[in-house]
Amino acid sequence: MITSSSDITPKSFLYEERGPIALITLNRPDRLNSLTFEVYRELTGTFQALQSVDSVRVVVITGRGRGFCSGGDVEEIIGELFKRDAEGLLEFTRMTCELIRSIRGLNKPVIASLNGTVAGAGAVIALACDLRIAAESAKIAFLFVKVGLAGADMGAAFLLPRVVGLSKATEMLFSGDFIGADEAARIGLYNRVVAAGELETETSRWAERLAAGPGFALAMTKTAINRELQMSLEMALEAESEAQAICMLNPDFREAYQAFTEKRPPEFNK
């Protein structure tokens, strides 16, 4: 089992740790960081491995160059798919969905730092992250219908309506058109939009804030968000009652109280 960052050694993108923050950088700038079979597999494996790396408390994913991620590489993926039969195609689509499952399943905050164009599968990767901080140049499109595919890809039809609402999600998935960063922020798809030169600083600010926070409580919060997407109100109320009672048994809860009474910043478990 992977328990330290030294065991995470992807070949298709960059990985580093800055204290408690893991930074994943897509590294095919000449191709707008388009995805290959290897990138898919290694990203999935990295997110799965980070579940067991206790020293990492927050994960940031970004890209080099003008784009965050432009989706599947036309030559290295799309061209190859025409050689596959139905079973082989289903194997591929399930593999792409496993990446989204690994991002949503990681019990640590994941921030997408969107440095440029966000398209296709890249848009769904960003959507699957917990927070999206974008440069002004980070236009986004779920462009699957533009190439004759369903807008329902990699969980987009499940996640996008829950983020921006059914009507706007339907428009975006039906049209496949790009929207600008300001519009993405207006509809709630982006959490923050900043000038390109401020993106790294703003992302670091959020990552450091979350890394200094109560990791156990943040993990419980993300788990609750995932579970309650398909619950009734009554089920959600009971689930949150149980989750909160569990958090009250964690040392972070007492530390927050003592810090408040002593008028000092809390020092949560690392």
C-alpha atoms as a PDB file:
ATOM      1  CA  MET A   1       0.000   0.000   0.000  1.00  0.00           C
ATOM      2  CA  ILE A   2       1.230   3.490  -0.878  1.00  0.00           C
ATOM      3  CA  THR A   3       1.760   5.513   2.290  1.00  0.00           C
ATOM      4  CA  SER A   4       4.147   8.270   1.190  1.00  0.00           C
ATOM      5  CA  SER A   5       4.634  10.577  -1.750  1.00  0.00           C
ATOM      6  CA  SER A   6       7.907   8.858  -2.645  1.00  0.00           C
ATOM      7  CA  ASP A   7       5.802   5.970  -3.913  1.00  0.00           C
ATOM      8  CA  ILE A   8       3.807   8.234  -6.268  1.00  0.00           C
ATOM      9  CA  THR A   9       5.916   8.508  -9.407  1.00  0.00           C
ATOM     10  CA  PRO A  10       3.769   9.286 -12.468  1.00  0.00           C
ATOM     11  CA  LYS A  11       5.480   9.565 -15.838  1.00  0.00           C
ATOM     12  CA  SER A  12       2.750  11.424 -17.724  1.00  0.00           C
ATOM     13  CA  PHE A  13       2.358  14.488 -15.481  1.00  0.00           C
ATOM     14  CA  LEU A  14       4.196  16.283 -12.676  1.00  0.00           C
ATOM     15  CA  TYR A  15       3.661  15.502  -8.999  1.00  0.00           C
ATOM     16  CA  GLU A  16       5.139  17.263  -6.005  1.00  0.00           C
ATOM     17  CA  GLU A  17       4.320  18.014  -2.414  1.00  0.00           C
ATOM     18  CA  ARG A  18       4.559  21.435  -0.835  1.00  0.00           C
ATOM     19  CA  GLY A  19       4.190  20.611   2.808  1.00  0.00           C
ATOM     20  CA  PRO A  20       0.683  19.186   3.279  1.00  0.00           C
ATOM     21  CA  ILE A  21      -0.406  20.161  -0.240  1.00  0.00           C
ATOM     22  CA  ALA A  22      -0.017  17.756  -3.173  1.00  0.00           C
ATOM     23  CA  LEU A  23       0.287  19.474  -6.544  1.00  0.00           C
ATOM     24  CA  ILE A  24      -0.600  17.615  -9.744  1.00  0.00           C
ATOM     25  CA  THR A  25       0.396  19.475 -12.914  1.00  0.00           C
ATOM     26  CA  LEU A  26      -0.763  18.224 -16.307  1.00  0.00           C
ATOM     27  CA  ASN A  27       2.299  18.530 -18.468  1.00  0.00           C
ATOM     28  CA  ARG A  28       1.517  18.403 -22.186  1.00  0.00           C
ATOM     29  CA  PRO A  29       1.329  22.159 -22.868  1.00  0.00           C
ATOM     30  CA  ASP A  30       1.868  21.751 -26.611  1.00  0.00           C
ATOM     31  CA  ARG A  31      -1.377  19.708 -26.707  1.00  0.00           C
ATOM     32  CA  LEU A  32      -3.305  21.891 -24.220  1.00  0.00           C
ATOM     33  CA  ASN A  33      -2.712  19.084 -21.711  1.00  0.00           C
ATOM     34  CA  SER A  34      -4.963  16.681 -23.576  1.00  0.00           C
ATOM     35  CA  LEU A  35      -5.416  13.266 -22.004  1.00  0.00           C
ATOM     36  CA  THR A  36      -3.893   9.983 -23.110  1.00  0.00           C
ATOM     37  CA  PHE A  37      -4.640   6.458 -21.901  1.00  0.00           C
ATOM     38  CA  GLU A  38      -1.573   6.718 -19.672  1.00  0.00           C
ATOM     39  CA  VAL A  39      -2.621  10.067 -18.179  1.00  0.00           C
ATOM     40  CA  TYR A  40      -6.051   8.660 -17.344  1.00  0.00           C
ATOM     41  CA  ARG A  41      -4.576   5.609 -15.642  1.00  0.00           C
ATOM     42  CA  GLU A  42      -1.907   7.513 -13.734  1.00  0.00           C
ATOM     43  CA  LEU A  43      -4.275  10.248 -12.567  1.00  0.00           C
ATOM     44  CA  THR A  44      -6.702   7.632 -11.274  1.00  0.00           C
ATOM     45  CA  GLY A  45      -3.920   5.743  -9.520  1.00  0.00           C
ATOM     46  CA  THR A  46      -2.549   8.935  -7.963  1.00  0.00           C
ATOM     47  CA  PHE A  47      -5.881  10.045  -6.524  1.00  0.00           C
ATOM     48  CA  GLN A  48      -6.497   6.555  -5.182  1.00  0.00           C
ATOM     49  CA  ALA A  49      -3.027   6.412  -3.620  1.00  0.00           C
ATOM     50  CA  LEU A  50      -3.408   9.810  -1.945  1.00  0.00           C
ATOM     51  CA  GLN A  51      -6.171   8.359   0.200  1.00  0.00           C
ATOM     52  CA  SER A  52      -3.465   6.587   2.209  1.00  0.00           C
ATOM     53  CA  VAL A  53      -0.862   9.377   2.327  1.00  0.00           C
ATOM     54  CA  ASP A  54      -1.535  10.954   5.712  1.00  0.00           C
ATOM     55  CA  SER A  55       0.944  13.787   5.193  1.00  0.00           C
ATOM     56  CA  VAL A  56      -1.173  15.175   2.337  1.00  0.00           C
ATOM     57  CA  ARG A  57      -4.208  17.148   3.473  1.00  0.00           C
ATOM     58  CA  VAL A  58      -5.186  18.987   0.258  1.00  0.00           C
ATOM     59  CA  VAL A  59      -4.714  18.212  -3.440  1.00  0.00           C
ATOM     60  CA  VAL A  60      -4.407  20.796  -6.223  1.00  0.00           C
ATOM     61  CA  ILE A  61      -4.619  19.912  -9.917  1.00  0.00           C
ATOM     62  CA  THR A  62      -3.576  22.399 -12.597  1.00  0.00           C
ATOM     63  CA  GLY A  63      -1.967  22.514 -16.029  1.00  0.00           C
ATOM     64  CA  ARG A  64       1.057  24.000 -17.760  1.00  0.00           C
ATOM     65  CA  GLY A  65       0.770  26.514 -20.544  1.00  0.00           C
ATOM     66  CA  ARG A  66      -2.396  27.977 -22.074  1.00  0.00           C
ATOM     67  CA  GLY A  67      -4.770  25.204 -21.073  1.00  0.00           C
ATOM     68  CA  PHE A  68      -5.889  23.302 -18.028  1.00  0.00           C
ATOM     69  CA  CYS A  69      -7.026  20.296 -20.054  1.00  0.00           C
ATOM     70  CA  SER A  70      -8.618  20.089 -23.498  1.00  0.00           C
ATOM     71  CA  GLY A  71     -10.019  16.569 -23.070  1.00  0.00           C
ATOM     72  CA  GLY A  72      -9.049  13.365 -24.813  1.00  0.00           C
ATOM     73  CA  ASP A  73      -6.193  13.615 -27.288  1.00  0.00           C
ATOM     74  CA  VAL A  74      -7.577  13.376 -30.820  1.00  0.00           C
ATOM     75  CA  GLU A  75      -4.695  11.272 -32.115  1.00  0.00           C
ATOM     76  CA  GLU A  76      -3.708   9.202 -29.093  1.00  0.00           C
ATOM     77  CA  ILE A  77      -7.210   8.378 -27.847  1.00  0.00           C
ATOM     78  CA  ILE A  78      -9.954   9.245 -30.348  1.00  0.00           C
ATOM     79  CA  GLY A  79      -8.178   7.691 -33.313  1.00  0.00           C
ATOM     80  CA  GLU A  80      -7.450   4.525 -31.346  1.00  0.00           C
ATOM     81  CA  LEU A  81     -11.072   4.124 -30.254  1.00  0.00           C
ATOM     82  CA  PHE A  82     -12.192   3.474 -33.835  1.00  0.00           C
ATOM     83  CA  LYS A  83     -10.160   0.242 -33.706  1.00  0.00           C
ATOM     84  CA  ARG A  84     -12.167  -1.095 -30.741  1.00  0.00           C
ATOM     85  CA  ASP A  85     -15.316  -3.188 -30.643  1.00  0.00           C
ATOM     86  CA  ALA A  86     -18.241  -2.442 -28.311  1.00  0.00           C
ATOM     87  CA  GLU A  87     -16.630  -4.263 -25.397  1.00  0.00           C
ATOM     88  CA  GLY A  88     -13.383  -2.373 -25.857  1.00  0.00           C
ATOM     89  CA  LEU A  89     -15.193   0.956 -26.002  1.00  0.00           C
ATOM     90  CA  LEU A  90     -17.060   0.185 -22.782  1.00  0.00           C
ATOM     91  CA  GLU A  91     -13.761  -0.726 -21.140  1.00  0.00           C
ATOM     92  CA  PHE A  92     -12.454   2.735 -22.065  1.00  0.00           C
ATOM     93  CA  THR A  93     -15.511   4.686 -20.913  1.00  0.00           C
ATOM     94  CA  ARG A  94     -15.520   2.843 -17.603  1.00  0.00           C
ATOM     95  CA  MET A  95     -11.836   3.691 -17.178  1.00  0.00           C
ATOM     96  CA  THR A  96     -12.563   7.397 -17.671  1.00  0.00           C
ATOM     97  CA  CYS A  97     -15.358   7.239 -15.113  1.00  0.00           C
ATOM     98  CA  GLU A  98     -13.012   5.602 -12.617  1.00  0.00           C
ATOM     99  CA  LEU A  99     -10.968   8.814 -12.603  1.00  0.00           C
ATOM    100  CA  ILE A 100     -14.021  10.824 -11.554  1.00  0.00           C
ATOM    101  CA  ARG A 101     -14.842   8.210  -8.918  1.00  0.00           C
ATOM    102  CA  SER A 102     -11.312   8.504  -7.512  1.00  0.00           C
ATOM    103  CA  ILE A 103     -11.540  12.324  -7.259  1.00  0.00           C
ATOM    104  CA  ARG A 104     -14.949  12.310  -5.597  1.00  0.00           C
ATOM    105  CA  GLY A 105     -13.955   9.395  -3.372  1.00  0.00           C
ATOM    106  CA  LEU A 106     -10.785  11.008  -2.013  1.00  0.00           C
ATOM    107  CA  ASN A 107     -11.606  12.142   1.531  1.00  0.00           C
ATOM    108  CA  LYS A 108      -9.501  15.305   1.199  1.00  0.00           C
ATOM    109  CA  PRO A 109     -10.297  18.626  -0.482  1.00  0.00           C
ATOM    110  CA  VAL A 110      -9.373  18.749  -4.168  1.00  0.00           C
ATOM    111  CA  ILE A 111      -8.930  22.153  -5.817  1.00  0.00           C
ATOM    112  CA  ALA A 112      -8.883  22.634  -9.586  1.00  0.00           C
ATOM    113  CA  SER A 113      -6.621  25.581 -10.411  1.00  0.00           C
ATOM    114  CA  LEU A 114      -7.781  26.425 -13.925  1.00  0.00           C
ATOM    115  CA  ASN A 115      -4.985  28.186 -15.768  1.00  0.00           C
ATOM    116  CA  GLY A 116      -6.597  28.210 -19.215  1.00  0.00           C
ATOM    117  CA  THR A 117      -8.931  26.339 -21.556  1.00  0.00           C
ATOM    118  CA  VAL A 118     -11.099  23.693 -19.849  1.00  0.00           C
ATOM    119  CA  ALA A 119     -12.852  21.379 -22.304  1.00  0.00           C
ATOM    120  CA  GLY A 120     -14.443  17.960 -22.670  1.00  0.00           C
ATOM    121  CA  ALA A 121     -13.069  15.476 -20.183  1.00  0.00           C
ATOM    122  CA  GLY A 122     -11.000  18.305 -18.714  1.00  0.00           C
ATOM    123  CA  ALA A 123     -14.224  20.127 -17.863  1.00  0.00           C
ATOM    124  CA  VAL A 124     -15.574  17.062 -16.059  1.00  0.00           C
ATOM    125  CA  ILE A 125     -12.329  16.634 -14.111  1.00  0.00           C
ATOM    126  CA  ALA A 126     -12.653  20.251 -12.970  1.00  0.00           C
ATOM    127  CA  LEU A 127     -16.328  19.681 -12.167  1.00  0.00           C
ATOM    128  CA  ALA A 128     -15.488  16.650 -10.023  1.00  0.00           C
ATOM    129  CA  CYS A 129     -13.104  18.691  -7.866  1.00  0.00           C
ATOM    130  CA  ASP A 130     -14.421  20.300  -4.693  1.00  0.00           C
ATOM    131  CA  LEU A 131     -13.438  23.874  -5.586  1.00  0.00           C
ATOM    132  CA  ARG A 132     -12.573  25.578  -8.877  1.00  0.00           C
ATOM    133  CA  ILE A 133     -10.351  28.661  -8.929  1.00  0.00           C
ATOM    134  CA  ALA A 134      -9.862  30.067 -12.405  1.00  0.00           C
ATOM    135  CA  ALA A 135      -7.817  32.527 -14.371  1.00  0.00           C
ATOM    136  CA  GLU A 136      -9.766  34.988 -16.495  1.00  0.00           C
ATOM    137  CA  SER A 137      -8.707  33.016 -19.586  1.00  0.00           C
ATOM    138  CA  ALA A 138     -10.255  29.763 -18.340  1.00  0.00           C
ATOM    139  CA  LYS A 139     -13.215  29.367 -20.678  1.00  0.00           C
ATOM    140  CA  ILE A 140     -15.029  26.049 -20.247  1.00  0.00           C
ATOM    141  CA  ALA A 141     -17.110  23.728 -22.432  1.00  0.00           C
ATOM    142  CA  PHE A 142     -18.644  20.281 -22.074  1.00  0.00           C
ATOM    143  CA  LEU A 143     -18.233  19.828 -25.802  1.00  0.00           C
ATOM    144  CA  PHE A 144     -19.119  16.130 -26.183  1.00  0.00           C
ATOM    145  CA  VAL A 145     -22.143  16.745 -28.447  1.00  0.00           C
ATOM    146  CA  LYS A 146     -19.874  18.694 -30.803  1.00  0.00           C
ATOM    147  CA  VAL A 147     -18.188  15.386 -31.699  1.00  0.00           C
ATOM    148  CA  GLY A 148     -21.355  13.310 -31.826  1.00  0.00           C
ATOM    149  CA  LEU A 149     -21.230  11.996 -28.270  1.00  0.00           C
ATOM    150  CA  ALA A 150     -23.723  12.320 -25.431  1.00  0.00           C
ATOM    151  CA  GLY A 151     -23.287  15.258 -23.098  1.00  0.00           C
ATOM    152  CA  ALA A 152     -23.668  12.633 -20.366  1.00  0.00           C
ATOM    153  CA  ASP A 153     -19.998  11.706 -20.071  1.00  0.00           C
ATOM    154  CA  MET A 154     -17.899  10.833 -17.026  1.00  0.00           C
ATOM    155  CA  GLY A 155     -20.713  11.871 -14.687  1.00  0.00           C
ATOM    156  CA  ALA A 156     -21.322  15.301 -16.223  1.00  0.00           C
ATOM    157  CA  ALA A 157     -25.095  14.810 -16.415  1.00  0.00           C
ATOM    158  CA  PHE A 158     -25.124  13.876 -12.726  1.00  0.00           C
ATOM    159  CA  LEU A 159     -22.782  16.530 -11.341  1.00  0.00           C
ATOM    160  CA  LEU A 160     -23.393  19.605 -13.489  1.00  0.00           C
ATOM    161  CA  PRO A 161     -27.127  20.063 -12.691  1.00  0.00           C
ATOM    162  CA  ARG A 162     -26.261  19.849  -9.000  1.00  0.00           C
ATOM    163  CA  VAL A 163     -23.724  22.663  -9.382  1.00  0.00           C
ATOM    164  CA  VAL A 164     -25.426  25.075 -11.793  1.00  0.00           C
ATOM    165  CA  GLY A 165     -29.057  23.896 -11.862  1.00  0.00           C
ATOM    166  CA  LEU A 166     -30.950  21.717 -14.314  1.00  0.00           C
ATOM    167  CA  SER A 167     -31.818  24.369 -16.906  1.00  0.00           C
ATOM    168  CA  LYS A 168     -28.310  25.806 -17.285  1.00  0.00           C
ATOM    169  CA  ALA A 169     -26.721  22.353 -17.200  1.00  0.00           C
ATOM    170  CA  THR A 170     -29.054  21.187 -19.952  1.00  0.00           C
ATOM    171  CA  GLU A 171     -28.135  24.206 -22.075  1.00  0.00           C
ATOM    172  CA  MET A 172     -24.414  23.586 -21.604  1.00  0.00           C
ATOM    173  CA  LEU A 173     -24.612  19.841 -22.265  1.00  0.00           C
ATOM    174  CA  PHE A 174     -26.919  20.252 -25.290  1.00  0.00           C
ATOM    175  CA  SER A 175     -24.896  23.020 -26.941  1.00  0.00           C
ATOM    176  CA  GLY A 176     -21.342  22.059 -26.041  1.00  0.00           C
ATOM    177  CA  ASP A 177     -20.508  25.767 -26.313  1.00  0.00           C
ATOM    178  CA  PHE A 178     -17.768  27.524 -24.369  1.00  0.00           C
ATOM    179  CA  ILE A 179     -18.650  30.036 -21.686  1.00  0.00           C
ATOM    180  CA  GLY A 180     -16.181  32.548 -20.277  1.00  0.00           C
ATOM    181  CA  ALA A 181     -14.762  32.507 -16.782  1.00  0.00           C
ATOM    182  CA  ASP A 182     -16.947  35.369 -15.572  1.00  0.00           C
ATOM    183  CA  GLU A 183     -20.102  33.578 -16.725  1.00  0.00           C
ATOM    184  CA  ALA A 184     -18.887  30.331 -15.130  1.00  0.00           C
ATOM    185  CA  ALA A 185     -18.452  32.199 -11.847  1.00  0.00           C
ATOM    186  CA  ARG A 186     -21.857  33.855 -12.165  1.00  0.00           C
ATOM    187  CA  ILE A 187     -23.649  30.499 -12.435  1.00  0.00           C
ATOM    188  CA  GLY A 188     -21.636  28.971  -9.601  1.00  0.00           C
ATOM    189  CA  LEU A 189     -19.426  26.678 -11.654  1.00  0.00           C
ATOM    190  CA  TYR A 190     -16.257  28.563 -10.660  1.00  0.00           C
ATOM    191  CA  ASN A 191     -15.720  29.564  -7.038  1.00  0.00           C
ATOM    192  CA  ARG A 192     -13.267  32.368  -7.855  1.00  0.00           C
ATOM    193  CA  VAL A 193     -11.951  34.105 -10.965  1.00  0.00           C
ATOM    194  CA  VAL A 194      -8.695  36.057 -10.771  1.00  0.00           C
ATOM    195  CA  ALA A 195      -6.132  37.577 -13.112  1.00  0.00           C
ATOM    196  CA  ALA A 196      -3.754  35.014 -14.570  1.00  0.00           C
ATOM    197  CA  GLY A 197      -0.855  36.376 -12.541  1.00  0.00           C
ATOM    198  CA  GLU A 198      -2.809  35.914  -9.315  1.00  0.00           C
ATOM    199  CA  LEU A 199      -3.985  32.342  -9.893  1.00  0.00           C
ATOM    200  CA  GLU A 200      -1.157  30.548  -8.111  1.00  0.00           C
ATOM    201  CA  THR A 201      -1.336  32.877  -5.119  1.00  0.00           C
ATOM    202  CA  GLU A 202      -5.120  32.568  -4.792  1.00  0.00           C
ATOM    203  CA  THR A 203      -4.976  28.793  -5.170  1.00  0.00           C
ATOM    204  CA  SER A 204      -2.233  28.556  -2.546  1.00  0.00           C
ATOM    205  CA  ARG A 205      -4.239  30.721  -0.184  1.00  0.00           C
ATOM    206  CA  TRP A 206      -7.212  28.387  -0.381  1.00  0.00           C
ATOM    207  CA  ALA A 207      -5.094  25.240  -0.217  1.00  0.00           C
ATOM    208  CA  GLU A 208      -3.168  26.465   2.820  1.00  0.00           C
ATOM    209  CA  ARG A 209      -6.366  27.493   4.566  1.00  0.00           C
ATOM    210  CA  LEU A 210      -7.895  24.052   4.053  1.00  0.00           C
ATOM    211  CA  ALA A 211      -4.661  22.269   4.971  1.00  0.00           C
ATOM    212  CA  ALA A 212      -4.618  24.130   8.283  1.00  0.00           C
ATOM    213  CA  GLY A 213      -8.231  23.213   8.952  1.00  0.00           C
ATOM    214  CA  PRO A 214      -9.743  20.193  10.734  1.00  0.00           C
ATOM    215  CA  GLY A 215      -8.935  17.365   8.325  1.00  0.00           C
ATOM    216  CA  PHE A 216     -11.281  14.882   9.964  1.00  0.00           C
ATOM    217  CA  ALA A 217     -14.226  17.279   9.776  1.00  0.00           C
ATOM    218  CA  LEU A 218     -13.460  18.171   6.153  1.00  0.00           C
ATOM    219  CA  ALA A 219     -13.320  14.476   5.250  1.00  0.00           C
ATOM    220  CA  MET A 220     -16.651  13.888   6.968  1.00  0.00           C
ATOM    221  CA  THR A 221     -18.123  16.873   5.123  1.00  0.00           C
ATOM    222  CA  LYS A 222     -17.043  15.599   1.707  1.00  0.00           C
ATOM    223  CA  THR A 223     -18.335  12.128   2.515  1.00  0.00           C
ATOM    224  CA  ALA A 224     -21.680  13.610   3.557  1.00  0.00           C
ATOM    225  CA  ILE A 225     -21.936  15.681   0.373  1.00  0.00           C
ATOM    226  CA  ASN A 226     -21.322  12.585  -1.759  1.00  0.00           C
ATOM    227  CA  ARG A 227     -23.740  10.379   0.169  1.00  0.00           C
ATOM    228  CA  GLU A 228     -26.548  12.903   0.432  1.00  0.00           C
ATOM    229  CA  LEU A 229     -26.718  13.603  -3.292  1.00  0.00           C
ATOM    230  CA  GLN A 230     -29.174  10.729  -3.537  1.00  0.00           C
ATOM    231  CA  MET A 231     -30.865  10.840  -0.123  1.00  0.00           C
ATOM    232  CA  SER A 232     -34.253  12.058   0.973  1.00  0.00           C
ATOM    233  CA  LEU A 233     -34.354  14.872   3.542  1.00  0.00           C
ATOM    234  CA  GLU A 234     -35.145  12.419   6.318  1.00  0.00           C
ATOM    235  CA  MET A 235     -32.236  10.161   5.374  1.00  0.00           C
ATOM    236  CA  ALA A 236     -29.919  13.167   5.132  1.00  0.00           C
ATOM    237  CA  LEU A 237     -30.941  14.460   8.548  1.00  0.00           C
ATOM    238  CA  GLU A 238     -30.200  11.117  10.163  1.00  0.00           C
ATOM    239  CA  ALA A 239     -26.892  10.785   8.287  1.00  0.00           C
ATOM    240  CA  GLU A 240     -25.805  14.253   9.411  1.00  0.00           C
ATOM    241  CA  SER A 241     -26.837  13.529  12.997  1.00  0.00           C
ATOM    242  CA  GLU A 242     -24.550  10.497  12.985  1.00  0.00           C
ATOM    243  CA  ALA A 243     -21.689  12.316  11.230  1.00  0.00           C
ATOM    244  CA  GLN A 244     -21.776  15.245  13.641  1.00  0.00           C
ATOM    245  CA  ALA A 245     -21.840  12.982  16.690  1.00  0.00           C
ATOM    246  CA  ILE A 246     -18.760  11.200  15.354  1.00  0.00           C
ATOM    247  CA  CYS A 247     -16.985  14.543  14.816  1.00  0.00           C
ATOM    248  CA  MET A 248     -17.778  15.516  18.401  1.00  0.00           C
ATOM    249  CA  LEU A 249     -15.700  12.548  19.556  1.00  0.00           C
ATOM    250  CA  ASN A 250     -12.687  13.727  17.531  1.00  0.00           C
ATOM    251  CA  PRO A 251      -9.967  15.749  19.344  1.00  0.00           C
ATOM    252  CA  ASP A 252     -10.345  18.606  16.853  1.00  0.00           C
ATOM    253  CA  PHE A 253     -13.739  19.478  18.322  1.00  0.00           C
ATOM    254  CA  ARG A 254     -12.331  19.958  21.833  1.00  0.00           C
ATOM    255  CA  GLU A 255      -9.306  21.809  20.460  1.00  0.00           C
ATOM    256  CA  ALA A 256     -11.572  24.298  18.634  1.00  0.00           C
ATOM    257  CA  TYR A 257     -13.475  24.929  21.866  1.00  0.00           C
ATOM    258  CA  GLN A 258     -10.343  25.351  23.969  1.00  0.00           C
ATOM    259  CA  ALA A 259      -8.793  27.676  21.394  1.00  0.00           C
ATOM    260  CA  PHE A 260     -11.928  29.811  21.446  1.00  0.00           C
ATOM    261  CA  THR A 261     -11.980  30.057  25.228  1.00  0.00           C
ATOM    262  CA  GLU A 262      -8.240  30.810  25.319  1.00  0.00           C
ATOM    263  CA  LYS A 263      -8.543  33.371  22.496  1.00  0.00           C
ATOM    264  CA  ARG A 264      -5.953  31.716  20.244  1.00  0.00           C
ATOM    265  CA  PRO A 265      -5.961  30.036  16.811  1.00  0.00           C
ATOM    266  CA  PRO A 266      -6.806  26.308  16.952  1.00  0.00           C
ATOM    267  CA  GLU A 267      -4.096  23.738  16.242  1.00  0.00           C
ATOM    268  CA  PHE A 268      -5.861  20.869  14.542  1.00  0.00           C
ATOM    269  CA  ASN A 269      -4.476  17.341  14.172  1.00  0.00           C
ATOM    270  CA  LYS A 270      -2.020  17.026  11.316  1.00  0.00           C
END
